[in-house]
Protein backbone atom coordinates (compact mmCIF):
# COMPACT_ATOMS: atom_id res chain seq x y z
CA UNK A 1 -4.02 -32.60 41.06
CA UNK A 2 -5.34 -29.45 39.34
CA UNK A 3 -3.47 -28.23 36.30
CA UNK A 4 -1.19 -25.26 36.86
CA UNK A 5 -2.30 -22.31 34.73
CA UNK A 6 0.21 -19.90 33.26
CA UNK A 7 0.36 -16.29 34.33
CA UNK A 8 0.38 -13.84 31.47
CA UNK A 9 -0.57 -10.29 30.65
CA UNK A 10 -1.51 -8.11 27.75
CA UNK A 11 1.43 -6.47 25.94
CA UNK A 12 0.33 -3.00 26.94
CA UNK A 13 -1.36 -3.35 30.33
CA UNK A 14 -0.25 -2.67 33.84
CA UNK A 15 -0.46 -5.73 36.08
CA UNK A 16 -3.98 -4.91 37.29
CA UNK A 17 -5.44 -3.82 33.93
CA UNK A 18 -7.49 -5.79 31.44
CA UNK A 19 -8.89 -3.00 29.31
CA UNK A 20 -8.98 -3.57 25.57
CA UNK A 21 -7.95 0.06 25.10
CA UNK A 22 -4.40 -1.04 25.79
CA UNK A 23 -4.45 -3.77 23.19
CA UNK A 24 -1.79 -4.36 20.57
CA UNK A 25 -2.38 -2.83 17.16
CA UNK A 26 -4.19 -5.57 15.30
CA UNK A 27 -5.72 -5.09 11.90
CA UNK A 28 -6.61 -7.15 8.86
CA UNK A 29 -3.36 -7.80 7.06
CA UNK A 30 -0.91 -10.60 6.48
CA UNK A 31 -0.55 -11.53 10.15
CA UNK A 32 -2.49 -14.79 9.91
CA UNK A 33 -0.27 -16.08 7.12
CA UNK A 34 2.77 -14.94 9.08
CA UNK A 35 1.75 -16.89 12.17
CA UNK A 36 0.82 -19.98 10.16
CA UNK A 37 4.16 -20.00 8.38
CA UNK A 38 6.03 -19.91 11.67
CA UNK A 39 3.87 -22.36 13.60
CA UNK A 40 6.28 -25.27 13.13
CA UNK A 41 9.47 -23.24 12.80
CA UNK A 42 11.94 -24.43 15.41
CA UNK A 43 13.53 -20.97 15.42
CA UNK A 44 10.23 -19.15 15.77
CA UNK A 45 9.24 -17.29 18.90
CA UNK A 46 5.75 -18.72 18.49
CA UNK A 47 4.94 -22.02 20.11
CA UNK A 48 5.93 -24.10 23.11
CA UNK A 49 9.63 -23.41 22.56
CA UNK A 50 9.06 -19.90 23.82
CA UNK A 51 8.59 -21.01 27.43
CA UNK A 52 11.59 -20.05 29.55
CA UNK A 53 11.50 -23.42 31.35
CA UNK A 54 10.01 -26.39 29.53
CA UNK A 55 10.85 -28.78 32.35
CA UNK A 56 7.95 -27.47 34.42
CA UNK A 57 5.54 -28.41 31.69
CA UNK A 58 7.14 -31.73 30.84
CA UNK A 59 7.33 -32.85 34.46
CA UNK A 60 3.55 -32.85 34.79
CA UNK A 61 1.93 -35.88 33.27
CA UNK A 62 -1.71 -34.86 33.17
CA UNK A 63 -4.46 -35.97 30.78
CA UNK A 64 -4.87 -33.69 27.75
CA UNK A 65 -8.30 -33.07 26.29
CA UNK A 66 -8.84 -33.55 22.53
CA UNK A 67 -8.92 -29.80 21.94
CA UNK A 68 -5.60 -29.54 23.72
CA UNK A 69 -4.08 -31.91 21.17
CA UNK A 70 -4.91 -29.73 18.17
CA UNK A 71 -1.86 -28.98 15.98
CA UNK A 72 -0.30 -25.54 16.52
CA UNK A 73 -1.19 -24.35 13.02
CA UNK A 74 -4.90 -24.94 13.69
CA UNK A 75 -4.81 -23.26 17.08
CA UNK A 76 -2.97 -20.29 15.64
CA UNK A 77 -5.45 -20.00 12.77
CA UNK A 78 -8.29 -19.92 15.30
CA UNK A 79 -6.64 -17.49 17.71
CA UNK A 80 -5.71 -15.09 14.92
CA UNK A 81 -9.43 -14.53 14.22
CA UNK A 82 -10.02 -13.10 17.69
CA UNK A 83 -10.51 -9.34 17.78
CA UNK A 84 -10.40 -8.57 21.48
CA UNK A 85 -7.03 -8.82 23.24
CA UNK A 86 -8.90 -9.73 26.42
CA UNK A 87 -10.31 -12.80 24.66
CA UNK A 88 -6.80 -13.67 23.58
CA UNK A 89 -5.57 -13.30 27.15
CA UNK A 90 -8.30 -15.65 28.36
CA UNK A 91 -7.15 -18.21 25.79
CA UNK A 92 -3.65 -17.95 27.20
CA UNK A 93 -5.01 -18.84 30.65
CA UNK A 94 -6.59 -22.12 29.47
CA UNK A 95 -3.39 -24.16 29.27
CA UNK A 96 0.29 -23.93 28.54
CA UNK A 97 -0.29 -25.25 25.03
CA UNK A 98 -2.87 -22.59 24.30
CA UNK A 99 -0.72 -19.92 25.89
CA UNK A 100 2.30 -20.89 23.80
CA UNK A 101 0.29 -20.66 20.58
CA UNK A 102 -1.55 -17.42 21.32
CA UNK A 103 1.04 -15.26 23.05
CA UNK A 104 2.89 -14.62 19.79
CA UNK A 105 -0.24 -13.19 18.19
CA UNK A 106 -0.98 -11.03 21.21
CA UNK A 107 2.52 -9.58 21.36
CA UNK A 108 3.19 -9.41 17.63
CA UNK A 109 2.44 -5.65 17.54
CA UNK A 110 2.29 -4.18 21.05
CA UNK A 111 0.44 -0.92 21.37
CA UNK A 112 2.70 1.98 22.27
CA UNK A 113 0.23 4.77 21.60
CA UNK A 114 0.61 6.44 25.00
CA UNK A 115 3.13 6.54 27.82
CA UNK A 116 1.28 4.11 30.08
CA UNK A 117 1.22 1.49 27.35
CA UNK A 118 4.85 2.10 26.49
CA UNK A 119 6.00 1.73 30.09
CA UNK A 120 3.99 -1.45 30.52
CA UNK A 121 5.45 -3.03 27.39
CA UNK A 122 8.96 -1.92 28.31
CA UNK A 123 8.71 -3.38 31.84
CA UNK A 124 7.51 -6.73 30.50
CA UNK A 125 10.27 -6.88 27.92
CA UNK A 126 12.89 -6.25 30.57
CA UNK A 127 11.51 -8.62 33.22
CA UNK A 128 13.71 -11.76 33.48
CA UNK A 129 11.03 -13.51 35.59
CA UNK A 130 8.35 -13.37 32.86
CA UNK A 131 6.98 -16.69 31.68
CA UNK A 132 7.67 -15.77 28.06
CA UNK A 133 10.60 -14.09 26.36
CA UNK A 134 8.52 -11.12 25.30
CA UNK A 135 11.47 -9.42 23.62
CA UNK A 136 11.54 -12.21 21.03
CA UNK A 137 7.80 -11.97 20.37
CA UNK A 138 7.72 -8.37 19.17
CA UNK A 139 7.86 -8.26 15.37
CA UNK A 140 6.47 -4.77 14.75
CA UNK A 141 7.43 -1.83 16.91
CA UNK A 142 5.84 1.55 16.26
CA UNK A 143 6.69 4.52 18.50
CA UNK A 144 5.51 7.25 16.12
CA UNK A 145 2.39 8.09 18.16
CA UNK A 146 4.63 9.56 20.88
CA UNK A 147 6.76 11.42 18.33
CA UNK A 148 8.89 14.14 19.93
CA UNK A 149 8.53 12.67 23.41
CA UNK A 150 10.65 9.66 22.43
CA UNK A 151 14.34 9.98 23.26
CA UNK A 152 17.35 7.71 23.30
CA UNK A 153 16.54 6.75 26.89
CA UNK A 154 13.00 5.77 25.95
CA UNK A 155 14.13 3.04 23.57
CA UNK A 156 16.73 1.42 25.84
CA UNK A 157 14.41 -1.44 26.97
CA UNK A 158 13.62 -2.28 23.34
CA UNK A 159 17.23 -2.82 22.42
CA UNK A 160 16.67 -6.39 23.67
CA UNK A 161 14.15 -6.98 20.85
CA UNK A 162 16.33 -8.57 18.20
CA UNK A 163 13.57 -10.11 16.09
CA UNK A 164 11.77 -6.91 15.09
CA UNK A 165 10.86 -6.95 11.42
CA UNK A 166 9.20 -3.54 11.07
CA UNK A 167 10.51 -0.58 13.04
CA UNK A 168 8.60 2.70 12.74
CA UNK A 169 10.03 5.83 14.35
CA UNK A 170 8.34 8.48 12.21
CA UNK A 171 8.64 12.02 13.65
CA UNK A 172 10.56 10.84 16.74
CA UNK A 173 12.75 13.85 16.13
CA UNK A 174 14.58 13.74 19.49
CA UNK A 175 16.14 10.38 18.67
CA UNK A 176 19.81 10.48 17.77
CA UNK A 177 22.08 8.11 15.91
CA UNK A 178 22.79 6.27 19.16
CA UNK A 179 19.16 5.51 19.95
CA UNK A 180 18.30 4.24 16.48
CA UNK A 181 21.57 2.37 16.03
CA UNK A 182 21.12 0.56 19.35
CA UNK A 183 17.70 -0.64 18.19
CA UNK A 184 19.11 -1.87 14.90
CA UNK A 185 22.35 -3.40 16.19
CA UNK A 186 22.23 -7.19 16.17
CA UNK A 187 18.79 -7.36 14.55
CA UNK A 188 19.24 -9.38 11.38
CA UNK A 189 15.49 -9.83 10.94
CA UNK A 190 14.70 -6.18 10.18
CA UNK A 191 12.79 -5.82 6.90
CA UNK A 192 11.37 -2.30 7.10
CA UNK A 193 12.79 0.82 8.76
CA UNK A 194 10.99 4.17 8.85
CA UNK A 195 13.01 7.00 10.40
CA UNK A 196 11.41 9.81 8.43
CA UNK A 197 11.93 13.32 9.80
CA UNK A 198 14.64 12.31 12.27
CA UNK A 199 16.79 15.26 11.36
CA UNK A 200 19.59 14.41 13.81
CA UNK A 201 20.37 11.19 11.98
CA UNK A 202 23.62 10.96 10.05
CA UNK A 203 25.48 8.38 8.03
CA UNK A 204 26.31 6.55 11.27
CA UNK A 205 22.80 5.05 11.49
CA UNK A 206 22.81 3.87 7.89
CA UNK A 207 26.23 2.25 8.32
CA UNK A 208 24.70 0.30 11.24
CA UNK A 209 21.76 -0.71 9.05
CA UNK A 210 24.11 -1.89 6.31
CA UNK A 211 26.09 -4.06 8.76
CA UNK A 212 23.12 -5.64 10.49
CA UNK A 213 20.12 -5.82 8.15
CA UNK A 214 20.75 -7.99 5.09
CA UNK A 215 17.00 -8.71 4.78
CA UNK A 216 16.00 -5.04 4.59
CA UNK A 217 13.22 -4.44 2.04
CA UNK A 218 11.90 -1.01 2.94
CA UNK A 219 13.83 2.13 3.92
CA UNK A 220 12.25 5.52 4.57
CA UNK A 221 14.66 8.31 5.50
CA UNK A 222 12.48 11.21 4.37
CA UNK A 223 13.77 14.50 5.73
CA UNK A 224 17.02 13.04 7.08
CA UNK A 225 18.96 15.76 5.33
CA UNK A 226 22.31 15.00 6.98
CA UNK A 227 22.57 11.62 5.27
CA UNK A 228 24.99 11.53 2.33
CA UNK A 229 25.90 9.33 -0.60
CA UNK A 230 28.68 7.69 1.43
CA UNK A 231 26.36 5.65 3.65
CA UNK A 232 23.73 5.11 0.96
CA UNK A 233 26.37 3.50 -1.24
CA UNK A 234 27.13 1.00 1.52
CA UNK A 235 23.43 0.31 2.08
CA UNK A 236 22.89 -0.35 -1.63
CA UNK A 237 25.75 -2.85 -1.63
CA UNK A 238 24.78 -4.65 1.59
CA UNK A 239 20.96 -4.59 1.49
CA UNK A 240 20.30 -5.98 -1.95
CA UNK A 241 16.70 -7.01 -1.25
CA UNK A 242 15.38 -3.45 -0.95
CA UNK A 243 12.02 -2.99 -2.64
CA UNK A 244 10.84 0.40 -1.38
CA UNK A 245 13.11 3.40 -0.99
CA UNK A 246 12.02 6.87 0.13
CA UNK A 247 14.65 9.61 0.06
CA UNK A 248 12.35 12.64 0.03
CA UNK A 249 14.18 15.80 0.97
CA UNK A 250 17.54 14.08 1.49
CA UNK A 251 19.14 16.99 -0.25
CA UNK A 252 22.71 15.66 -0.31
CA UNK A 253 21.80 12.64 -2.43
CA UNK A 254 23.40 12.66 -5.89
CA UNK A 255 23.59 10.43 -8.93
CA UNK A 256 26.39 8.47 -7.29
CA UNK A 257 24.17 6.64 -4.78
CA UNK A 258 21.12 6.41 -7.05
CA UNK A 259 23.15 4.70 -9.77
CA UNK A 260 24.44 2.28 -7.13
CA UNK A 261 20.90 1.35 -6.08
CA UNK A 262 20.00 0.80 -9.72
CA UNK A 263 22.98 -1.51 -10.12
CA UNK A 264 22.82 -3.46 -6.85
CA UNK A 265 19.13 -3.64 -5.87
CA UNK A 266 17.21 -5.25 -8.74
CA UNK A 267 14.09 -5.89 -6.61
CA UNK A 268 13.21 -2.19 -6.18
CA UNK A 269 9.50 -1.58 -6.81
CA UNK A 270 9.14 2.01 -5.57
CA UNK A 271 11.61 4.86 -5.28
CA UNK A 272 10.77 8.39 -4.17
CA UNK A 273 13.30 11.17 -4.82
CA UNK A 274 11.05 14.15 -4.13
CA UNK A 275 13.13 17.32 -3.76
CA UNK A 276 16.44 15.54 -4.37
CA UNK A 277 17.62 18.44 -6.48
CA UNK A 278 21.10 17.02 -7.17
CA UNK A 279 19.72 13.98 -8.97
CA UNK A 280 19.97 14.37 -12.74
CA UNK A 281 18.80 12.67 -15.92
CA UNK A 282 21.34 9.79 -16.10
CA UNK A 283 20.04 8.41 -12.79
CA UNK A 284 16.47 8.40 -14.07
CA UNK A 285 17.47 6.61 -17.27
CA UNK A 286 19.38 3.98 -15.25
CA UNK A 287 16.52 3.39 -12.80
CA UNK A 288 13.94 2.80 -15.51
CA UNK A 289 16.25 0.76 -17.71
CA UNK A 290 17.79 -1.45 -15.01
CA UNK A 291 14.94 -2.02 -12.55
CA UNK A 292 12.64 -4.27 -14.54
CA UNK A 293 10.05 -4.47 -11.73
CA UNK A 294 9.90 -0.73 -11.00
CA UNK A 295 6.29 0.35 -10.38
CA UNK A 296 6.56 3.84 -8.86
CA UNK A 297 9.05 6.57 -9.68
CA UNK A 298 8.54 9.92 -7.97
CA UNK A 299 10.77 12.78 -9.08
CA UNK A 300 8.88 15.88 -7.95
CA UNK A 301 11.06 19.01 -7.85
CA UNK A 302 14.12 17.24 -9.27
CA UNK A 303 14.73 20.38 -11.26
CA UNK A 304 17.81 19.18 -13.20
CA UNK A 305 15.92 16.38 -14.95
CA UNK A 306 15.28 17.12 -18.60
CA UNK A 307 14.08 15.37 -21.76
CA UNK A 308 17.27 13.31 -22.02
CA UNK A 309 16.22 11.24 -19.00
CA UNK A 310 13.58 9.62 -21.18
CA UNK A 311 14.88 10.14 -24.71
CA UNK A 312 17.93 8.03 -23.79
CA UNK A 313 15.84 4.99 -22.86
CA UNK A 314 16.64 2.01 -25.12
CA UNK A 315 14.69 2.10 -28.34
CA UNK A 316 12.17 -0.68 -28.80
CA UNK A 317 11.98 -1.62 -25.12
CA UNK A 318 8.88 -1.14 -23.04
CA UNK A 319 8.66 -1.00 -19.27
CA UNK A 320 5.30 -2.54 -18.54
CA UNK A 321 5.72 -2.59 -14.76
CA UNK A 322 5.84 1.20 -14.42
CA UNK A 323 2.49 2.41 -13.11
CA UNK A 324 3.18 5.75 -11.36
CA UNK A 325 5.40 8.59 -12.57
CA UNK A 326 5.53 11.96 -10.81
CA UNK A 327 7.39 14.79 -12.56
CA UNK A 328 5.95 17.74 -10.64
CA UNK A 329 7.89 20.95 -11.35
CA UNK A 330 10.39 19.22 -13.64
CA UNK A 331 10.17 22.20 -15.96
CA UNK A 332 12.77 20.96 -18.42
CA UNK A 333 10.57 17.96 -19.30
CA UNK A 334 8.77 18.90 -22.49
CA UNK A 335 6.65 17.34 -25.23
CA UNK A 336 9.36 15.11 -26.69
CA UNK A 337 9.93 13.47 -23.31
CA UNK A 338 6.22 12.93 -22.65
CA UNK A 339 5.79 11.21 -26.00
CA UNK A 340 8.72 8.93 -25.20
CA UNK A 341 7.38 8.19 -21.71
CA UNK A 342 4.03 7.05 -23.04
CA UNK A 343 5.62 4.84 -25.68
CA UNK A 344 8.06 3.30 -23.18
CA UNK A 345 5.54 2.80 -20.35
CA UNK A 346 2.20 2.04 -22.03
CA UNK A 347 0.58 0.82 -18.81
CA UNK A 348 1.05 3.98 -16.77
CA UNK A 349 -1.85 4.49 -14.38
CA UNK A 350 -0.85 7.74 -12.62
CA UNK A 351 0.94 10.51 -14.51
CA UNK A 352 1.76 13.80 -12.78
CA UNK A 353 3.04 16.64 -14.95
CA UNK A 354 1.99 19.53 -12.71
CA UNK A 355 4.06 22.69 -13.35
CA UNK A 356 5.76 21.19 -16.40
CA UNK A 357 4.85 24.51 -17.89
CA UNK A 358 6.31 24.06 -21.36
CA UNK A 359 4.23 21.07 -22.40
CA UNK A 360 1.51 21.64 -24.96
CA UNK A 361 -1.36 19.82 -26.62
CA UNK A 362 1.22 17.44 -28.11
CA UNK A 363 1.81 15.94 -24.69
CA UNK A 364 -1.90 15.53 -23.97
CA UNK A 365 -2.42 13.86 -27.34
CA UNK A 366 0.41 11.45 -26.50
CA UNK A 367 -1.17 10.69 -23.11
CA UNK A 368 -4.32 9.68 -24.96
CA UNK A 369 -2.48 6.51 -26.03
CA UNK A 370 -2.66 5.26 -22.44
CA UNK A 371 -6.37 4.74 -22.95
CA UNK A 372 -8.18 2.77 -20.28
CA UNK A 373 -4.97 2.33 -18.23
CA UNK A 374 -4.94 5.98 -17.17
CA UNK A 375 -6.68 6.61 -13.84
CA UNK A 376 -4.95 9.72 -12.46
CA UNK A 377 -3.62 12.68 -14.42
CA UNK A 378 -2.36 16.00 -13.06
CA UNK A 379 -1.77 18.81 -15.54
CA UNK A 380 -1.99 21.76 -13.17
CA UNK A 381 -0.20 24.93 -14.34
CA UNK A 382 0.25 23.51 -17.84
CA UNK A 383 -1.21 26.71 -19.23
CA UNK A 384 -0.54 25.93 -22.90
CA UNK A 385 -3.16 23.17 -22.98
CA UNK A 386 -6.36 23.91 -24.90
CA UNK A 387 -9.91 22.59 -25.07
CA UNK A 388 -9.15 20.48 -28.13
CA UNK A 389 -6.54 18.34 -26.39
CA UNK A 390 -8.60 17.92 -23.20
CA UNK A 391 -11.62 16.74 -25.18
CA UNK A 392 -9.43 14.19 -26.96
CA UNK A 393 -8.14 13.00 -23.59
CA UNK A 394 -11.65 12.53 -22.23
CA UNK A 395 -12.72 10.47 -25.22
CA UNK A 396 -9.60 8.29 -25.19
CA UNK A 397 -9.21 7.71 -21.43
CA UNK A 398 -12.69 7.13 -20.08
CA UNK A 399 -11.53 5.46 -16.85
CA UNK A 400 -9.99 8.59 -15.36
CA UNK A 401 -10.80 8.86 -11.66
CA UNK A 402 -8.80 11.98 -10.83
CA UNK A 403 -7.95 14.90 -13.07
CA UNK A 404 -6.40 18.22 -12.09
CA UNK A 405 -6.37 21.11 -14.56
CA UNK A 406 -5.71 23.94 -12.11
CA UNK A 407 -4.53 27.19 -13.69
CA UNK A 408 -5.06 25.87 -17.22
CA UNK A 409 -6.58 29.21 -18.05
CA UNK A 410 -7.18 28.53 -21.75
CA UNK A 411 -9.84 25.97 -20.95
CA UNK A 412 -13.51 26.88 -21.32
CA UNK A 413 -16.89 25.25 -20.80
CA UNK A 414 -16.44 23.45 -24.11
CA UNK A 415 -13.99 20.93 -22.59
CA UNK A 416 -14.95 21.06 -18.91
CA UNK A 417 -18.53 20.06 -19.64
CA UNK A 418 -17.17 16.96 -21.35
CA UNK A 419 -15.47 15.86 -18.11
CA UNK A 420 -18.94 15.04 -16.81
CA UNK A 421 -19.02 12.11 -19.23
CA UNK A 422 -16.28 10.28 -17.29
CA UNK A 423 -18.26 7.58 -15.44
CA UNK A 424 -15.66 6.88 -12.72
CA UNK A 425 -14.56 10.43 -11.97
CA UNK A 426 -14.09 11.00 -8.21
CA UNK A 427 -11.92 14.07 -7.92
CA UNK A 428 -11.55 17.09 -10.14
CA UNK A 429 -9.34 20.16 -9.74
CA UNK A 430 -10.29 23.32 -11.63
CA UNK A 431 -8.69 25.97 -9.40
CA UNK A 432 -8.29 29.27 -11.25
CA UNK A 433 -9.88 28.00 -14.45
CA UNK A 434 -11.35 31.45 -14.73
CA UNK A 435 -13.22 30.94 -18.01
CA UNK A 436 -15.62 28.26 -16.80
CA UNK A 437 -19.21 29.12 -15.89
CA UNK A 438 -22.27 27.50 -14.36
CA UNK A 439 -22.75 25.51 -17.55
CA UNK A 440 -19.83 23.23 -16.67
CA UNK A 441 -20.93 22.58 -13.09
CA UNK A 442 -24.53 21.92 -14.11
CA UNK A 443 -23.22 19.28 -16.50
CA UNK A 444 -21.78 17.36 -13.53
CA UNK A 445 -25.07 17.61 -11.68
CA UNK A 446 -27.09 16.33 -14.63
CA UNK A 447 -24.72 13.47 -15.32
CA UNK A 448 -24.75 12.34 -11.71
CA UNK A 449 -28.46 12.54 -10.98
CA UNK A 450 -28.54 8.75 -10.44
CA UNK A 451 -26.93 7.98 -7.05
CA UNK A 452 -25.89 4.53 -8.24
CA UNK A 453 -23.39 6.12 -10.64
CA UNK A 454 -22.59 9.26 -8.65
CA UNK A 455 -18.91 8.82 -7.87
CA UNK A 456 -17.82 12.45 -7.50
CA UNK A 457 -16.21 12.99 -4.06
CA UNK A 458 -13.94 16.06 -4.21
CA UNK A 459 -14.35 19.19 -6.35
CA UNK A 460 -11.88 22.11 -6.29
CA UNK A 461 -13.36 25.27 -7.81
CA UNK A 462 -11.49 28.03 -5.98
CA UNK A 463 -11.19 31.34 -7.84
CA UNK A 464 -13.61 30.24 -10.56
CA UNK A 465 -15.31 33.57 -10.08
CA UNK A 466 -17.98 33.01 -12.72
CA UNK A 467 -19.78 30.39 -10.65
CA UNK A 468 -23.03 31.00 -8.78
CA UNK A 469 -25.48 29.22 -6.52
CA UNK A 470 -27.44 28.22 -9.63
CA UNK A 471 -24.89 25.49 -10.34
CA UNK A 472 -23.47 24.68 -6.91
CA UNK A 473 -26.86 23.87 -5.38
CA UNK A 474 -27.69 21.14 -7.93
CA UNK A 475 -24.12 19.87 -7.76
CA UNK A 476 -24.22 19.12 -4.04
CA UNK A 477 -27.79 17.81 -4.26
CA UNK A 478 -27.13 15.39 -7.09
CA UNK A 479 -23.74 14.15 -5.86
CA UNK A 480 -24.46 12.47 -2.52
CA UNK A 481 -20.89 11.19 -2.14
CA UNK A 482 -19.40 14.67 -2.28
CA UNK A 483 -17.23 15.22 0.81
CA UNK A 484 -15.07 18.17 -0.24
CA UNK A 485 -15.95 21.36 -2.09
CA UNK A 486 -13.53 24.29 -2.30
CA UNK A 487 -14.88 27.68 -3.36
CA UNK A 488 -12.20 30.03 -2.04
CA UNK A 489 -12.41 33.41 -3.69
CA UNK A 490 -15.81 32.76 -5.30
CA UNK A 491 -17.84 35.87 -4.35
CA UNK A 492 -21.28 34.35 -3.92
CA UNK A 493 -20.12 31.94 -1.23
CA UNK A 494 -18.30 34.36 1.05
CA UNK A 495 -21.32 35.50 3.06
CA UNK A 496 -21.29 34.64 6.78
CA UNK A 497 -24.49 32.62 6.31
CA UNK A 498 -22.50 30.13 4.23
CA UNK A 499 -18.94 30.40 5.51
CA UNK A 500 -20.10 29.27 8.95
CA UNK A 501 -20.16 25.77 7.45
CA UNK A 502 -16.55 26.05 6.24
CA UNK A 503 -13.60 24.58 8.02
CA UNK A 504 -11.03 26.86 9.61
CA UNK A 505 -8.37 28.47 7.45
CA UNK A 506 -4.82 27.22 8.06
CA UNK A 507 -3.13 29.18 10.87
CA UNK A 508 -0.31 30.37 8.62
CA UNK A 509 -2.73 32.25 6.34
CA UNK A 510 -2.71 36.05 6.34
CA UNK A 511 -5.87 38.00 7.11
CA UNK A 512 -6.39 38.68 3.39
CA UNK A 513 -6.19 34.99 2.68
CA UNK A 514 -8.60 34.20 5.51
CA UNK A 515 -11.11 36.69 4.16
CA UNK A 516 -11.53 34.73 0.92
CA UNK A 517 -11.06 31.21 2.32
CA UNK A 518 -14.04 28.96 1.65
CA UNK A 519 -13.66 25.18 1.88
CA UNK A 520 -16.50 22.84 2.79
CA UNK A 521 -15.33 19.45 3.97
CA UNK A 522 -16.93 16.40 5.58
CA UNK A 523 -19.95 17.42 7.64
CA UNK A 524 -19.61 20.94 6.28
CA UNK A 525 -20.80 19.75 2.87
CA UNK A 526 -23.86 18.09 4.42
CA UNK A 527 -24.63 21.19 6.47
CA UNK A 528 -24.36 23.39 3.38
CA UNK A 529 -26.67 21.05 1.49
CA UNK A 530 -29.25 21.11 4.27
CA UNK A 531 -29.06 24.88 4.56
CA UNK A 532 -29.59 25.47 0.85
CA UNK A 533 -32.51 23.05 0.71
CA UNK A 534 -34.18 24.20 3.92
CA UNK A 535 -35.96 27.18 2.45
CA UNK A 536 -36.30 27.09 -1.31
CA UNK A 537 -37.79 30.54 -1.38
CA UNK A 538 -34.87 32.01 0.53
CA UNK A 539 -32.41 30.28 -1.78
CA UNK A 540 -33.79 32.15 -4.80
CA UNK A 541 -32.19 35.31 -3.49
CA UNK A 542 -28.97 34.07 -5.09
CA UNK A 543 -30.45 33.73 -8.55
CA UNK A 544 -30.16 37.38 -9.56
CA UNK A 545 -26.88 37.39 -11.44
CA UNK A 546 -27.12 41.12 -12.11
CA UNK A 547 -26.82 41.91 -8.42
CA UNK A 548 -23.53 40.04 -8.25
CA UNK A 549 -21.71 41.62 -11.16
CA UNK A 550 -20.22 44.42 -9.07
CA UNK A 551 -19.25 42.08 -6.22
CA UNK A 552 -17.67 39.64 -8.64
CA UNK A 553 -15.51 42.37 -10.08
CA UNK A 554 -14.37 43.39 -6.61
CA UNK A 555 -13.53 39.81 -5.65
CA UNK A 556 -11.60 39.25 -8.84
CA UNK A 557 -9.36 42.11 -7.82
CA UNK A 558 -8.99 40.67 -4.33
CA UNK A 559 -8.08 37.28 -5.79
CA UNK A 560 -5.31 38.85 -7.81
CA UNK A 561 -4.06 40.67 -4.72
CA UNK A 562 -3.89 37.62 -2.47
CA UNK A 563 -2.77 35.21 -5.17
CA UNK A 564 -3.65 31.96 -3.40
CA UNK A 565 -5.83 28.98 -4.03
CA UNK A 566 -7.58 27.00 -1.27
CA UNK A 567 -5.87 25.04 1.48
CA UNK A 568 -5.52 21.98 -0.73
CA UNK A 569 -3.97 23.73 -3.69
CA UNK A 570 -1.80 26.75 -2.98
CA UNK A 571 -0.15 28.43 -5.93
CA UNK A 572 3.24 28.94 -4.32
CA UNK A 573 4.50 30.93 -7.26
CA UNK A 574 2.02 33.74 -6.64
CA UNK A 575 2.00 33.98 -2.86
CA UNK A 576 2.64 37.54 -1.65
């Protein structure tokens, strides 16, 4: 008697489809380990136990080939290497054993990138006649690709999925508390929830999370500005395994809830409080002091934070786990605090002090102590910094990959030329460093003439009006990895012959801003390079500096009138 083969389908196909374009989202990550760990778990949705009716299988005593007797963990390890969902579907059709050990991989992350896929997945989940309990197989559900088209009605079929571990609803702005709460209710497996920019959400959703999700490790409520301390306090007390917390723009958050997270959630690794303007220094001190594993602390635009946040850290203690600290626009953070930060967190890798406008060379000299640990430093708008401190920084921290010195208008070629000595430098921001000349840019070209060490990828030179083609041409020729070059407001590059290779200005720009916009990105850099090299004789027309003096003066005036940088760095303080 021939063996009965199971009927099955892809998690995102209509009954007659087999196209791989409707495949689940599969990528190289920890999925293989996940499947292996659950292969022999009696509670797992992977394996033979997932069949709705085992009696059909058990009632057939048919010979089993050797390959059919392989342990589940080996079958799962093999199946998890398959790339094509169609191949996985074919494996499911071999035998019930194979189907039971491959269906979990196929349905682990169903693709919901378009409406056809979503409807197909939803119909399978809600079909009581399906061979498998598909609702139990879905571990990662991501509806963000459909964004504003997702409503409370859309998610009704998925309320049956009570084993989801990662739920991503980013930008699904039409969802209300009811829709999200229904998805969360009864799901005690949830580990990560992303509801960023769901502005209708209130405390109601977070109360539901607190009641149902004791295993929660990641919570992103960016932009949910109706959430208050009341629900966050309950979450901090009920979800004590949280590791990653993003509260960007949740403007009602105060010290009350942040102190509670510091007290109740010792596993926190990352916390982002961008634009939480009611958070003050005591919260920062508590987070750093209490959370011994804290790696990332982002406090951009927390304007009430001052030196005391760091000066009150316990003397003699170091916080070696802290790698990233962002203090953008925390203007009350000054030199004393920076010195204390460096001493307390000697292994900082990324330090952002943009718009901390009162810091001076003292801070930069303190940062030098980070040495080889420092990879990323942002000192934009720190206009008190001088060449002397920057040169010290370059000598002390030779592993810097990204440095931004925008609007540090005291800097000259003396220090900027030295940046070319950084062997791993990939990105540099020099917007409105008005004193630099071709000498600095030529230094980068000379240093990176060997492609094997040419690491420079992004260069921001907008409003550096002293630059000419004499330096930009060798820069793009000798830096083959360059993919972004901004020259907004630089007179010599605003001719139609060159700007045709630029990308479009952002739609919100005024006409004045569009007139000086000049950003080469991606293929635009390659096209500019080819154009400049195509006719060497024609290119010499840009070498006569005298002809450009008058134009440069005119453009300097225009720069002052418009008061913007390029698309990637807009000086919001000087916008008209």
